[in-house]
């Protein structure tokens, strides 16, 4: 079969289309003839090697997490699906490989494709929908009559998150470019904030949940939007922090993330507990300096990966 793969980390030059063997089926696997597969930013990070500390892949590596297609064969213990079923799935993170003519999918990771959507529409859904669900429901615990700020509302995750939040009865604020204001309103956003002309923290106040997908300075500013005991969830990559009794933050790390977190701790407004660490591989990070209005604090963190028994979790 033909597949889009990489044999090393790098730019688009590292990607090639080659003939490889059809995947071997396990007892609980489906062999799916792929009709469509989605493209998400995480694949660029995978291709570039930005996730190699967290996810240990072997080369050659076929890219792609989402798919839709038709079941071509089933393993001996599969009972929920049969040959000819139209399905869609987000494959397990240690078994990516949907940019191919065939893919092996664990039966628990697949579902029957709704009859009222195309294969292309179905393939676009799993990763972004699961991310939105995990961020808002499982981590954010969003409920009716709460307020949520969703960044990048016209993007893949944001467009699903808006609809999910409204379905749950929440009031939805979202950031968006001017050309997509009407789109996010049709999706259910109560307040659309043009991030080019407005500061979102001046509009979205006292939110119960904030979903950030940008990281950096945007993530820092999110803390001005969330109320005490609220939740800031970031899906923009690497070191999870939390939970905290006053403000639970789940982020994936940058120096800006740590600066705002440590500032909250030093001023006494937030208690912080590190629940996860990156596994061994990155050994040290530089000391951090946190500026406050009256004093300068310095903190020298322990080496990352110093507790290899603790493993990270992912959205």
C-alpha atoms as a PDB file:
ATOM      1  CA  UNK A   1       0.000   0.000   0.000  1.00  0.00           C
ATOM      2  CA  UNK A   2       1.050   3.624  -0.397  1.00  0.00           C
ATOM      3  CA  UNK A   3       1.628   5.794   2.679  1.00  0.00           C
ATOM      4  CA  UNK A   4       2.939   9.261   3.539  1.00  0.00           C
ATOM      5  CA  UNK A   5       5.796   8.767   5.988  1.00  0.00           C
ATOM      6  CA  UNK A   6       8.990  10.179   7.427  1.00  0.00           C
ATOM      7  CA  UNK A   7      12.278   8.374   8.015  1.00  0.00           C
ATOM      8  CA  UNK A   8      13.706  11.230  10.095  1.00  0.00           C
ATOM      9  CA  UNK A   9      12.472  14.358  11.826  1.00  0.00           C
ATOM     10  CA  UNK A  10      12.566  17.556   9.786  1.00  0.00           C
ATOM     11  CA  UNK A  11      10.635  19.831   7.428  1.00  0.00           C
ATOM     12  CA  UNK A  12       8.388  18.832   4.533  1.00  0.00           C
ATOM     13  CA  UNK A  13      11.491  17.552   2.766  1.00  0.00           C
ATOM     14  CA  UNK A  14      11.461  14.642   5.218  1.00  0.00           C
ATOM     15  CA  UNK A  15       7.997  13.518   4.061  1.00  0.00           C
ATOM     16  CA  UNK A  16       7.715  11.041   1.221  1.00  0.00           C
ATOM     17  CA  UNK A  17       5.129   8.703  -0.288  1.00  0.00           C
ATOM     18  CA  UNK A  18       6.298   5.107  -0.390  1.00  0.00           C
ATOM     19  CA  UNK A  19       5.040   1.544  -0.759  1.00  0.00           C
ATOM     20  CA  UNK A  20       4.916  -0.343   2.540  1.00  0.00           C
ATOM     21  CA  UNK A  21       3.254  -3.475   3.871  1.00  0.00           C
ATOM     22  CA  UNK A  22      -0.401  -3.448   4.911  1.00  0.00           C
ATOM     23  CA  UNK A  23      -0.590  -3.385   8.744  1.00  0.00           C
ATOM     24  CA  UNK A  24      -0.851  -6.698  10.592  1.00  0.00           C
ATOM     25  CA  UNK A  25      -4.125  -7.159  12.458  1.00  0.00           C
ATOM     26  CA  UNK A  26      -4.328  -7.933  16.142  1.00  0.00           C
ATOM     27  CA  UNK A  27      -7.220  -9.852  17.680  1.00  0.00           C
ATOM     28  CA  UNK A  28      -9.099  -6.664  18.621  1.00  0.00           C
ATOM     29  CA  UNK A  29      -8.179  -4.628  15.534  1.00  0.00           C
ATOM     30  CA  UNK A  30     -10.015  -3.441  12.459  1.00  0.00           C
ATOM     31  CA  UNK A  31      -8.293  -3.138   9.124  1.00  0.00           C
ATOM     32  CA  UNK A  32      -9.764  -0.001   7.577  1.00  0.00           C
ATOM     33  CA  UNK A  33      -9.462   1.051   3.955  1.00  0.00           C
ATOM     34  CA  UNK A  34      -8.961   4.787   4.422  1.00  0.00           C
ATOM     35  CA  UNK A  35     -11.311   7.103   2.519  1.00  0.00           C
ATOM     36  CA  UNK A  36     -10.274  10.350   4.252  1.00  0.00           C
ATOM     37  CA  UNK A  37      -7.795  11.560   6.893  1.00  0.00           C
ATOM     38  CA  UNK A  38      -7.550  14.951   8.587  1.00  0.00           C
ATOM     39  CA  UNK A  39      -4.556  17.263   8.924  1.00  0.00           C
ATOM     40  CA  UNK A  40      -3.973  18.956  12.290  1.00  0.00           C
ATOM     41  CA  UNK A  41      -1.191  21.133  13.755  1.00  0.00           C
ATOM     42  CA  UNK A  42      -0.008  18.253  15.945  1.00  0.00           C
ATOM     43  CA  UNK A  43       1.233  16.483  12.817  1.00  0.00           C
ATOM     44  CA  UNK A  44       3.581  19.355  12.064  1.00  0.00           C
ATOM     45  CA  UNK A  45       4.994  19.075  15.586  1.00  0.00           C
ATOM     46  CA  UNK A  46       5.345  15.325  15.131  1.00  0.00           C
ATOM     47  CA  UNK A  47       7.099  15.754  11.773  1.00  0.00           C
ATOM     48  CA  UNK A  48       9.440  18.400  13.183  1.00  0.00           C
ATOM     49  CA  UNK A  49      10.372  16.219  16.176  1.00  0.00           C
ATOM     50  CA  UNK A  50       8.928  18.605  18.764  1.00  0.00           C
ATOM     51  CA  UNK A  51       7.132  15.741  20.520  1.00  0.00           C
ATOM     52  CA  UNK A  52       9.962  13.217  20.470  1.00  0.00           C
ATOM     53  CA  UNK A  53      10.698  13.664  24.173  1.00  0.00           C
ATOM     54  CA  UNK A  54       7.139  12.632  24.994  1.00  0.00           C
ATOM     55  CA  UNK A  55       6.300  10.172  22.216  1.00  0.00           C
ATOM     56  CA  UNK A  56       8.914   7.598  21.244  1.00  0.00           C
ATOM     57  CA  UNK A  57       8.241   6.716  17.627  1.00  0.00           C
ATOM     58  CA  UNK A  58      10.255   4.458  15.375  1.00  0.00           C
ATOM     59  CA  UNK A  59      11.117   5.170  11.751  1.00  0.00           C
ATOM     60  CA  UNK A  60       9.803   4.904   9.158  1.00  0.00           C
ATOM     61  CA  UNK A  61       6.784   6.608  10.711  1.00  0.00           C
ATOM     62  CA  UNK A  62       3.454   6.950   8.900  1.00  0.00           C
ATOM     63  CA  UNK A  63       1.756  10.186   9.999  1.00  0.00           C
ATOM     64  CA  UNK A  64      -1.914  10.845  10.777  1.00  0.00           C
ATOM     65  CA  UNK A  65      -4.277  10.287  13.728  1.00  0.00           C
ATOM     66  CA  UNK A  66      -7.790  10.635  12.269  1.00  0.00           C
ATOM     67  CA  UNK A  67      -9.509   8.629   9.594  1.00  0.00           C
ATOM     68  CA  UNK A  68     -12.755   7.530   8.088  1.00  0.00           C
ATOM     69  CA  UNK A  69     -13.204   4.560   5.832  1.00  0.00           C
ATOM     70  CA  UNK A  70     -14.642   1.089   5.349  1.00  0.00           C
ATOM     71  CA  UNK A  71     -13.752  -1.993   7.382  1.00  0.00           C
ATOM     72  CA  UNK A  72     -11.815  -4.403   5.179  1.00  0.00           C
ATOM     73  CA  UNK A  73     -11.103  -7.075   7.799  1.00  0.00           C
ATOM     74  CA  UNK A  74     -11.580  -7.682  11.527  1.00  0.00           C
ATOM     75  CA  UNK A  75      -9.581  -9.436  14.226  1.00  0.00           C
ATOM     76  CA  UNK A  76     -10.723 -12.692  15.797  1.00  0.00           C
ATOM     77  CA  UNK A  77     -12.132 -11.028  18.937  1.00  0.00           C
ATOM     78  CA  UNK A  78     -13.952  -8.128  17.272  1.00  0.00           C
ATOM     79  CA  UNK A  79     -17.737  -8.276  17.746  1.00  0.00           C
ATOM     80  CA  UNK A  80     -18.918  -4.678  17.300  1.00  0.00           C
ATOM     81  CA  UNK A  81     -17.918  -4.296  13.656  1.00  0.00           C
ATOM     82  CA  UNK A  82     -18.000  -6.334  10.474  1.00  0.00           C
ATOM     83  CA  UNK A  83     -16.529  -6.116   7.001  1.00  0.00           C
ATOM     84  CA  UNK A  84     -18.140  -3.351   4.985  1.00  0.00           C
ATOM     85  CA  UNK A  85     -18.977  -1.082   7.943  1.00  0.00           C
ATOM     86  CA  UNK A  86     -18.302   2.626   7.402  1.00  0.00           C
ATOM     87  CA  UNK A  87     -16.361   3.871  10.434  1.00  0.00           C
ATOM     88  CA  UNK A  88     -14.381   6.821  11.737  1.00  0.00           C
ATOM     89  CA  UNK A  89     -11.696   6.868  14.416  1.00  0.00           C
ATOM     90  CA  UNK A  90      -8.850   8.581  16.169  1.00  0.00           C
ATOM     91  CA  UNK A  91      -6.177   5.888  16.387  1.00  0.00           C
ATOM     92  CA  UNK A  92      -4.158   5.362  19.562  1.00  0.00           C
ATOM     93  CA  UNK A  93      -1.208   7.753  19.882  1.00  0.00           C
ATOM     94  CA  UNK A  94       1.299   4.907  19.822  1.00  0.00           C
ATOM     95  CA  UNK A  95      -0.228   3.547  16.589  1.00  0.00           C
ATOM     96  CA  UNK A  96      -0.572   6.614  14.392  1.00  0.00           C
ATOM     97  CA  UNK A  97      -0.573   6.065  10.641  1.00  0.00           C
ATOM     98  CA  UNK A  98      -3.752   7.168   8.896  1.00  0.00           C
ATOM     99  CA  UNK A  99      -2.010   8.855   5.942  1.00  0.00           C
ATOM    100  CA  UNK A 100      -2.096   5.543   4.122  1.00  0.00           C
ATOM    101  CA  UNK A 101      -4.379   3.370   2.044  1.00  0.00           C
ATOM    102  CA  UNK A 102      -5.022   1.071   5.013  1.00  0.00           C
ATOM    103  CA  UNK A 103      -4.745   1.507   8.777  1.00  0.00           C
ATOM    104  CA  UNK A 104      -5.074  -0.852  11.739  1.00  0.00           C
ATOM    105  CA  UNK A 105      -7.451   0.552  14.344  1.00  0.00           C
ATOM    106  CA  UNK A 106      -8.235  -0.807  17.818  1.00  0.00           C
ATOM    107  CA  UNK A 107     -11.948  -1.585  17.869  1.00  0.00           C
ATOM    108  CA  UNK A 108     -12.464   0.529  21.000  1.00  0.00           C
ATOM    109  CA  UNK A 109     -11.091   3.578  19.165  1.00  0.00           C
ATOM    110  CA  UNK A 110     -13.590   3.374  16.288  1.00  0.00           C
ATOM    111  CA  UNK A 111     -17.272   4.175  15.841  1.00  0.00           C
ATOM    112  CA  UNK A 112     -19.785   3.744  13.051  1.00  0.00           C
ATOM    113  CA  UNK A 113     -19.809   6.767  10.745  1.00  0.00           C
ATOM    114  CA  UNK A 114     -23.039   8.744  11.012  1.00  0.00           C
ATOM    115  CA  UNK A 115     -25.035   8.318   7.831  1.00  0.00           C
ATOM    116  CA  UNK A 116     -25.702  12.042   7.468  1.00  0.00           C
ATOM    117  CA  UNK A 117     -22.034  13.076   7.138  1.00  0.00           C
ATOM    118  CA  UNK A 118     -19.505  12.475   4.374  1.00  0.00           C
ATOM    119  CA  UNK A 119     -16.277  10.545   4.852  1.00  0.00           C
ATOM    120  CA  UNK A 120     -14.381  13.832   4.710  1.00  0.00           C
ATOM    121  CA  UNK A 121     -16.561  15.409   7.398  1.00  0.00           C
ATOM    122  CA  UNK A 122     -16.284  12.348   9.617  1.00  0.00           C
ATOM    123  CA  UNK A 123     -12.484  12.254   9.351  1.00  0.00           C
ATOM    124  CA  UNK A 124     -12.235  15.906  10.417  1.00  0.00           C
ATOM    125  CA  UNK A 125     -13.960  15.289  13.741  1.00  0.00           C
ATOM    126  CA  UNK A 126     -12.295  12.764  16.119  1.00  0.00           C
ATOM    127  CA  UNK A 127      -9.126  14.523  17.314  1.00  0.00           C
ATOM    128  CA  UNK A 128     -10.617  18.003  17.668  1.00  0.00           C
ATOM    129  CA  UNK A 129     -13.850  16.720  19.230  1.00  0.00           C
ATOM    130  CA  UNK A 130     -12.033  14.570  21.778  1.00  0.00           C
ATOM    131  CA  UNK A 131      -9.756  17.496  22.624  1.00  0.00           C
ATOM    132  CA  UNK A 132     -12.733  19.810  23.167  1.00  0.00           C
ATOM    133  CA  UNK A 133     -14.529  17.202  25.295  1.00  0.00           C
ATOM    134  CA  UNK A 134     -11.509  16.441  27.469  1.00  0.00           C
ATOM    135  CA  UNK A 135     -10.680  20.122  27.952  1.00  0.00           C
ATOM    136  CA  UNK A 136     -14.179  21.394  28.764  1.00  0.00           C
ATOM    137  CA  UNK A 137     -15.867  18.382  30.348  1.00  0.00           C
ATOM    138  CA  UNK A 138     -13.217  16.154  31.899  1.00  0.00           C
ATOM    139  CA  UNK A 139     -10.762  18.858  33.003  1.00  0.00           C
ATOM    140  CA  UNK A 140     -12.784  22.067  33.002  1.00  0.00           C
ATOM    141  CA  UNK A 141     -15.951  20.442  34.397  1.00  0.00           C
ATOM    142  CA  UNK A 142     -17.981  23.023  32.549  1.00  0.00           C
ATOM    143  CA  UNK A 143     -21.667  23.108  33.393  1.00  0.00           C
ATOM    144  CA  UNK A 144     -24.885  24.990  32.762  1.00  0.00           C
ATOM    145  CA  UNK A 145     -24.992  28.708  33.570  1.00  0.00           C
ATOM    146  CA  UNK A 146     -21.192  28.962  33.639  1.00  0.00           C
ATOM    147  CA  UNK A 147     -18.988  31.258  31.552  1.00  0.00           C
ATOM    148  CA  UNK A 148     -16.277  29.993  29.213  1.00  0.00           C
ATOM    149  CA  UNK A 149     -13.729  31.733  27.003  1.00  0.00           C
ATOM    150  CA  UNK A 150     -12.675  29.681  23.990  1.00  0.00           C
ATOM    151  CA  UNK A 151      -9.732  30.966  21.979  1.00  0.00           C
ATOM    152  CA  UNK A 152      -9.565  30.561  18.183  1.00  0.00           C
ATOM    153  CA  UNK A 153     -13.262  29.855  17.860  1.00  0.00           C
ATOM    154  CA  UNK A 154     -13.148  29.353  14.097  1.00  0.00           C
ATOM    155  CA  UNK A 155     -10.394  26.732  14.319  1.00  0.00           C
ATOM    156  CA  UNK A 156     -10.784  22.969  14.487  1.00  0.00           C
ATOM    157  CA  UNK A 157     -10.916  22.582  18.276  1.00  0.00           C
ATOM    158  CA  UNK A 158     -12.611  25.941  18.849  1.00  0.00           C
ATOM    159  CA  UNK A 159     -15.467  25.349  16.428  1.00  0.00           C
ATOM    160  CA  UNK A 160     -16.362  22.093  18.170  1.00  0.00           C
ATOM    161  CA  UNK A 161     -15.785  23.526  21.663  1.00  0.00           C
ATOM    162  CA  UNK A 162     -18.236  26.384  21.045  1.00  0.00           C
ATOM    163  CA  UNK A 163     -21.001  23.983  20.069  1.00  0.00           C
ATOM    164  CA  UNK A 164     -20.254  21.653  22.973  1.00  0.00           C
ATOM    165  CA  UNK A 165     -20.227  24.501  25.502  1.00  0.00           C
ATOM    166  CA  UNK A 166     -23.561  25.850  24.273  1.00  0.00           C
ATOM    167  CA  UNK A 167     -25.051  22.359  24.339  1.00  0.00           C
ATOM    168  CA  UNK A 168     -24.026  22.219  28.003  1.00  0.00           C
ATOM    169  CA  UNK A 169     -25.792  25.503  28.726  1.00  0.00           C
ATOM    170  CA  UNK A 170     -22.745  27.741  29.167  1.00  0.00           C
ATOM    171  CA  UNK A 171     -22.308  31.355  28.072  1.00  0.00           C
ATOM    172  CA  UNK A 172     -19.593  31.337  25.412  1.00  0.00           C
ATOM    173  CA  UNK A 173     -17.002  34.037  24.697  1.00  0.00           C
ATOM    174  CA  UNK A 174     -14.615  33.394  21.834  1.00  0.00           C
ATOM    175  CA  UNK A 175     -11.744  35.131  20.075  1.00  0.00           C
ATOM    176  CA  UNK A 176     -11.849  35.273  16.301  1.00  0.00           C
ATOM    177  CA  UNK A 177     -10.786  37.330  13.292  1.00  0.00           C
ATOM    178  CA  UNK A 178     -13.304  39.832  11.929  1.00  0.00           C
ATOM    179  CA  UNK A 179     -14.083  37.757   8.842  1.00  0.00           C
ATOM    180  CA  UNK A 180     -15.237  34.798  10.979  1.00  0.00           C
ATOM    181  CA  UNK A 181     -17.418  36.639  13.492  1.00  0.00           C
ATOM    182  CA  UNK A 182     -20.667  35.538  11.849  1.00  0.00           C
ATOM    183  CA  UNK A 183     -19.400  31.943  11.616  1.00  0.00           C
ATOM    184  CA  UNK A 184     -18.765  31.588  15.347  1.00  0.00           C
ATOM    185  CA  UNK A 185     -22.106  33.216  16.143  1.00  0.00           C
ATOM    186  CA  UNK A 186     -23.835  30.630  13.970  1.00  0.00           C
ATOM    187  CA  UNK A 187     -21.963  27.950  15.896  1.00  0.00           C
ATOM    188  CA  UNK A 188     -23.398  29.326  19.135  1.00  0.00           C
ATOM    189  CA  UNK A 189     -20.960  31.906  20.527  1.00  0.00           C
ATOM    190  CA  UNK A 190     -22.705  34.514  22.664  1.00  0.00           C
ATOM    191  CA  UNK A 191     -19.870  37.049  22.394  1.00  0.00           C
ATOM    192  CA  UNK A 192     -17.366  37.137  19.523  1.00  0.00           C
ATOM    193  CA  UNK A 193     -14.185  39.101  20.318  1.00  0.00           C
ATOM    194  CA  UNK A 194     -12.111  40.407  17.411  1.00  0.00           C
ATOM    195  CA  UNK A 195      -8.630  39.744  18.775  1.00  0.00           C
ATOM    196  CA  UNK A 196      -7.087  42.293  16.408  1.00  0.00           C
ATOM    197  CA  UNK A 197      -9.122  45.221  17.724  1.00  0.00           C
ATOM    198  CA  UNK A 198     -10.030  44.205  21.288  1.00  0.00           C
ATOM    199  CA  UNK A 199      -8.211  42.834  24.297  1.00  0.00           C
ATOM    200  CA  UNK A 200     -10.091  39.675  25.196  1.00  0.00           C
ATOM    201  CA  UNK A 201      -9.349  40.104  28.901  1.00  0.00           C
ATOM    202  CA  UNK A 202     -11.280  43.388  28.838  1.00  0.00           C
ATOM    203  CA  UNK A 203     -14.392  41.612  27.554  1.00  0.00           C
ATOM    204  CA  UNK A 204     -14.388  38.080  29.007  1.00  0.00           C
ATOM    205  CA  UNK A 205     -14.519  38.488  32.799  1.00  0.00           C
ATOM    206  CA  UNK A 206     -15.121  36.047  35.676  1.00  0.00           C
ATOM    207  CA  UNK A 207     -14.997  32.964  33.478  1.00  0.00           C
ATOM    208  CA  UNK A 208     -15.315  29.530  35.024  1.00  0.00           C
ATOM    209  CA  UNK A 209     -13.216  27.952  32.263  1.00  0.00           C
ATOM    210  CA  UNK A 210     -10.757  29.311  29.707  1.00  0.00           C
ATOM    211  CA  UNK A 211      -9.602  27.118  26.806  1.00  0.00           C
ATOM    212  CA  UNK A 212      -6.316  28.377  25.368  1.00  0.00           C
ATOM    213  CA  UNK A 213      -4.769  27.072  22.166  1.00  0.00           C
ATOM    214  CA  UNK A 214      -2.107  29.719  21.570  1.00  0.00           C
ATOM    215  CA  UNK A 215       0.175  29.556  24.597  1.00  0.00           C
ATOM    216  CA  UNK A 216       2.767  32.243  25.295  1.00  0.00           C
ATOM    217  CA  UNK A 217       1.468  35.718  26.085  1.00  0.00           C
ATOM    218  CA  UNK A 218      -2.107  34.681  25.324  1.00  0.00           C
ATOM    219  CA  UNK A 219      -1.960  32.043  28.032  1.00  0.00           C
ATOM    220  CA  UNK A 220      -0.551  34.551  30.518  1.00  0.00           C
ATOM    221  CA  UNK A 221      -3.399  36.983  29.786  1.00  0.00           C
ATOM    222  CA  UNK A 222      -5.964  34.209  30.266  1.00  0.00           C
ATOM    223  CA  UNK A 223      -5.389  34.423  34.013  1.00  0.00           C
ATOM    224  CA  UNK A 224      -7.036  37.840  33.981  1.00  0.00           C
ATOM    225  CA  UNK A 225     -10.247  36.274  32.664  1.00  0.00           C
ATOM    226  CA  UNK A 226     -10.738  33.358  35.026  1.00  0.00           C
ATOM    227  CA  UNK A 227     -12.373  33.767  38.409  1.00  0.00           C
ATOM    228  CA  UNK A 228     -11.014  32.251  41.654  1.00  0.00           C
ATOM    229  CA  UNK A 229     -11.343  28.462  41.578  1.00  0.00           C
ATOM    230  CA  UNK A 230     -11.746  28.658  37.807  1.00  0.00           C
ATOM    231  CA  UNK A 231      -9.839  26.566  35.316  1.00  0.00           C
ATOM    232  CA  UNK A 232      -7.374  27.545  32.598  1.00  0.00           C
ATOM    233  CA  UNK A 233      -6.769  24.732  30.116  1.00  0.00           C
ATOM    234  CA  UNK A 234      -3.986  25.071  27.548  1.00  0.00           C
ATOM    235  CA  UNK A 235      -3.546  22.627  24.674  1.00  0.00           C
ATOM    236  CA  UNK A 236      -0.352  24.177  23.364  1.00  0.00           C
ATOM    237  CA  UNK A 237       2.224  21.621  24.435  1.00  0.00           C
ATOM    238  CA  UNK A 238       4.587  20.126  27.067  1.00  0.00           C
ATOM    239  CA  UNK A 239       4.656  20.380  30.898  1.00  0.00           C
ATOM    240  CA  UNK A 240       1.308  19.921  32.686  1.00  0.00           C
ATOM    241  CA  UNK A 241       0.795  21.958  35.877  1.00  0.00           C
ATOM    242  CA  UNK A 242      -1.965  21.402  38.396  1.00  0.00           C
ATOM    243  CA  UNK A 243      -4.327  20.898  40.031  1.00  0.00           C
ATOM    244  CA  UNK A 244      -4.338  23.941  42.342  1.00  0.00           C
ATOM    245  CA  UNK A 245      -6.849  24.495  45.171  1.00  0.00           C
ATOM    246  CA  UNK A 246      -7.410  28.148  44.208  1.00  0.00           C
ATOM    247  CA  UNK A 247      -6.985  28.007  40.455  1.00  0.00           C
ATOM    248  CA  UNK A 248      -6.474  24.775  38.563  1.00  0.00           C
ATOM    249  CA  UNK A 249      -4.214  25.271  35.548  1.00  0.00           C
ATOM    250  CA  UNK A 250      -3.482  22.554  33.050  1.00  0.00           C
ATOM    251  CA  UNK A 251      -0.975  23.757  30.502  1.00  0.00           C
ATOM    252  CA  UNK A 252       1.672  22.301  28.279  1.00  0.00           C
ATOM    253  CA  UNK A 253       4.414  24.623  29.134  1.00  0.00           C
ATOM    254  CA  UNK A 254       6.525  27.634  28.175  1.00  0.00           C
ATOM    255  CA  UNK A 255       8.637  30.075  30.157  1.00  0.00           C
ATOM    256  CA  UNK A 256       5.695  32.488  30.117  1.00  0.00           C
ATOM    257  CA  UNK A 257       3.494  29.819  31.668  1.00  0.00           C
ATOM    258  CA  UNK A 258       5.923  29.323  34.509  1.00  0.00           C
ATOM    259  CA  UNK A 259       6.396  33.038  35.080  1.00  0.00           C
ATOM    260  CA  UNK A 260       2.702  33.701  35.582  1.00  0.00           C
ATOM    261  CA  UNK A 261       2.267  30.556  37.660  1.00  0.00           C
ATOM    262  CA  UNK A 262       5.143  31.404  39.971  1.00  0.00           C
ATOM    263  CA  UNK A 263       3.928  34.999  40.265  1.00  0.00           C
ATOM    264  CA  UNK A 264       0.544  33.705  41.403  1.00  0.00           C
ATOM    265  CA  UNK A 265       2.301  31.552  44.008  1.00  0.00           C
ATOM    266  CA  UNK A 266       4.605  34.299  45.274  1.00  0.00           C
ATOM    267  CA  UNK A 267       1.742  36.760  45.697  1.00  0.00           C
ATOM    268  CA  UNK A 268      -0.239  34.143  47.592  1.00  0.00           C
ATOM    269  CA  UNK A 269      -3.234  34.133  45.247  1.00  0.00           C
ATOM    270  CA  UNK A 270      -2.642  30.593  43.984  1.00  0.00           C
ATOM    271  CA  UNK A 271      -1.318  27.391  45.464  1.00  0.00           C
ATOM    272  CA  UNK A 272       0.484  25.289  42.903  1.00  0.00           C
ATOM    273  CA  UNK A 273       1.119  21.561  42.831  1.00  0.00           C
ATOM    274  CA  UNK A 274       3.085  19.873  40.062  1.00  0.00           C
ATOM    275  CA  UNK A 275       1.277  16.645  39.255  1.00  0.00           C
ATOM    276  CA  UNK A 276       3.233  15.511  36.196  1.00  0.00           C
ATOM    277  CA  UNK A 277       6.763  15.805  34.822  1.00  0.00           C
ATOM    278  CA  UNK A 278       8.305  15.268  31.421  1.00  0.00           C
ATOM    279  CA  UNK A 279      10.055  11.876  31.314  1.00  0.00           C
ATOM    280  CA  UNK A 280      13.840  11.654  31.225  1.00  0.00           C
ATOM    281  CA  UNK A 281      15.327  13.154  28.092  1.00  0.00           C
ATOM    282  CA  UNK A 282      15.297  16.874  28.847  1.00  0.00           C
ATOM    283  CA  UNK A 283      17.599  17.152  31.829  1.00  0.00           C
ATOM    284  CA  UNK A 284      17.624  20.809  32.834  1.00  0.00           C
ATOM    285  CA  UNK A 285      15.826  24.067  32.300  1.00  0.00           C
ATOM    286  CA  UNK A 286      17.322  27.482  33.087  1.00  0.00           C
ATOM    287  CA  UNK A 287      16.522  29.323  36.327  1.00  0.00           C
ATOM    288  CA  UNK A 288      13.474  31.537  36.079  1.00  0.00           C
ATOM    289  CA  UNK A 289      13.241  35.155  37.188  1.00  0.00           C
ATOM    290  CA  UNK A 290       9.816  36.474  38.139  1.00  0.00           C
ATOM    291  CA  UNK A 291       9.175  40.197  38.314  1.00  0.00           C
ATOM    292  CA  UNK A 292       6.623  41.639  40.715  1.00  0.00           C
ATOM    293  CA  UNK A 293       5.873  45.271  41.486  1.00  0.00           C
ATOM    294  CA  UNK A 294       8.081  45.323  44.543  1.00  0.00           C
ATOM    295  CA  UNK A 295      10.553  42.453  44.426  1.00  0.00           C
ATOM    296  CA  UNK A 296      12.377  40.153  42.045  1.00  0.00           C
ATOM    297  CA  UNK A 297      12.221  36.441  42.783  1.00  0.00           C
ATOM    298  CA  UNK A 298      14.462  33.757  41.360  1.00  0.00           C
ATOM    299  CA  UNK A 299      13.709  30.069  41.310  1.00  0.00           C
ATOM    300  CA  UNK A 300      16.002  27.250  40.212  1.00  0.00           C
ATOM    301  CA  UNK A 301      13.810  24.266  39.365  1.00  0.00           C
ATOM    302  CA  UNK A 302      14.977  20.664  39.774  1.00  0.00           C
ATOM    303  CA  UNK A 303      15.993  18.790  36.633  1.00  0.00           C
ATOM    304  CA  UNK A 304      13.061  17.677  34.514  1.00  0.00           C
ATOM    305  CA  UNK A 305      12.655  13.927  34.419  1.00  0.00           C
ATOM    306  CA  UNK A 306      14.035  13.545  37.945  1.00  0.00           C
ATOM    307  CA  UNK A 307      11.039  11.373  38.833  1.00  0.00           C
ATOM    308  CA  UNK A 308      10.834   8.850  35.972  1.00  0.00           C
ATOM    309  CA  UNK A 309       8.023   6.975  37.720  1.00  0.00           C
ATOM    310  CA  UNK A 310       5.638   9.823  36.938  1.00  0.00           C
ATOM    311  CA  UNK A 311       4.393   9.955  33.358  1.00  0.00           C
ATOM    312  CA  UNK A 312       2.654  12.769  31.524  1.00  0.00           C
ATOM    313  CA  UNK A 313      -0.921  12.807  30.332  1.00  0.00           C
ATOM    314  CA  UNK A 314      -2.107  14.338  27.092  1.00  0.00           C
ATOM    315  CA  UNK A 315      -5.210  16.010  25.807  1.00  0.00           C
END
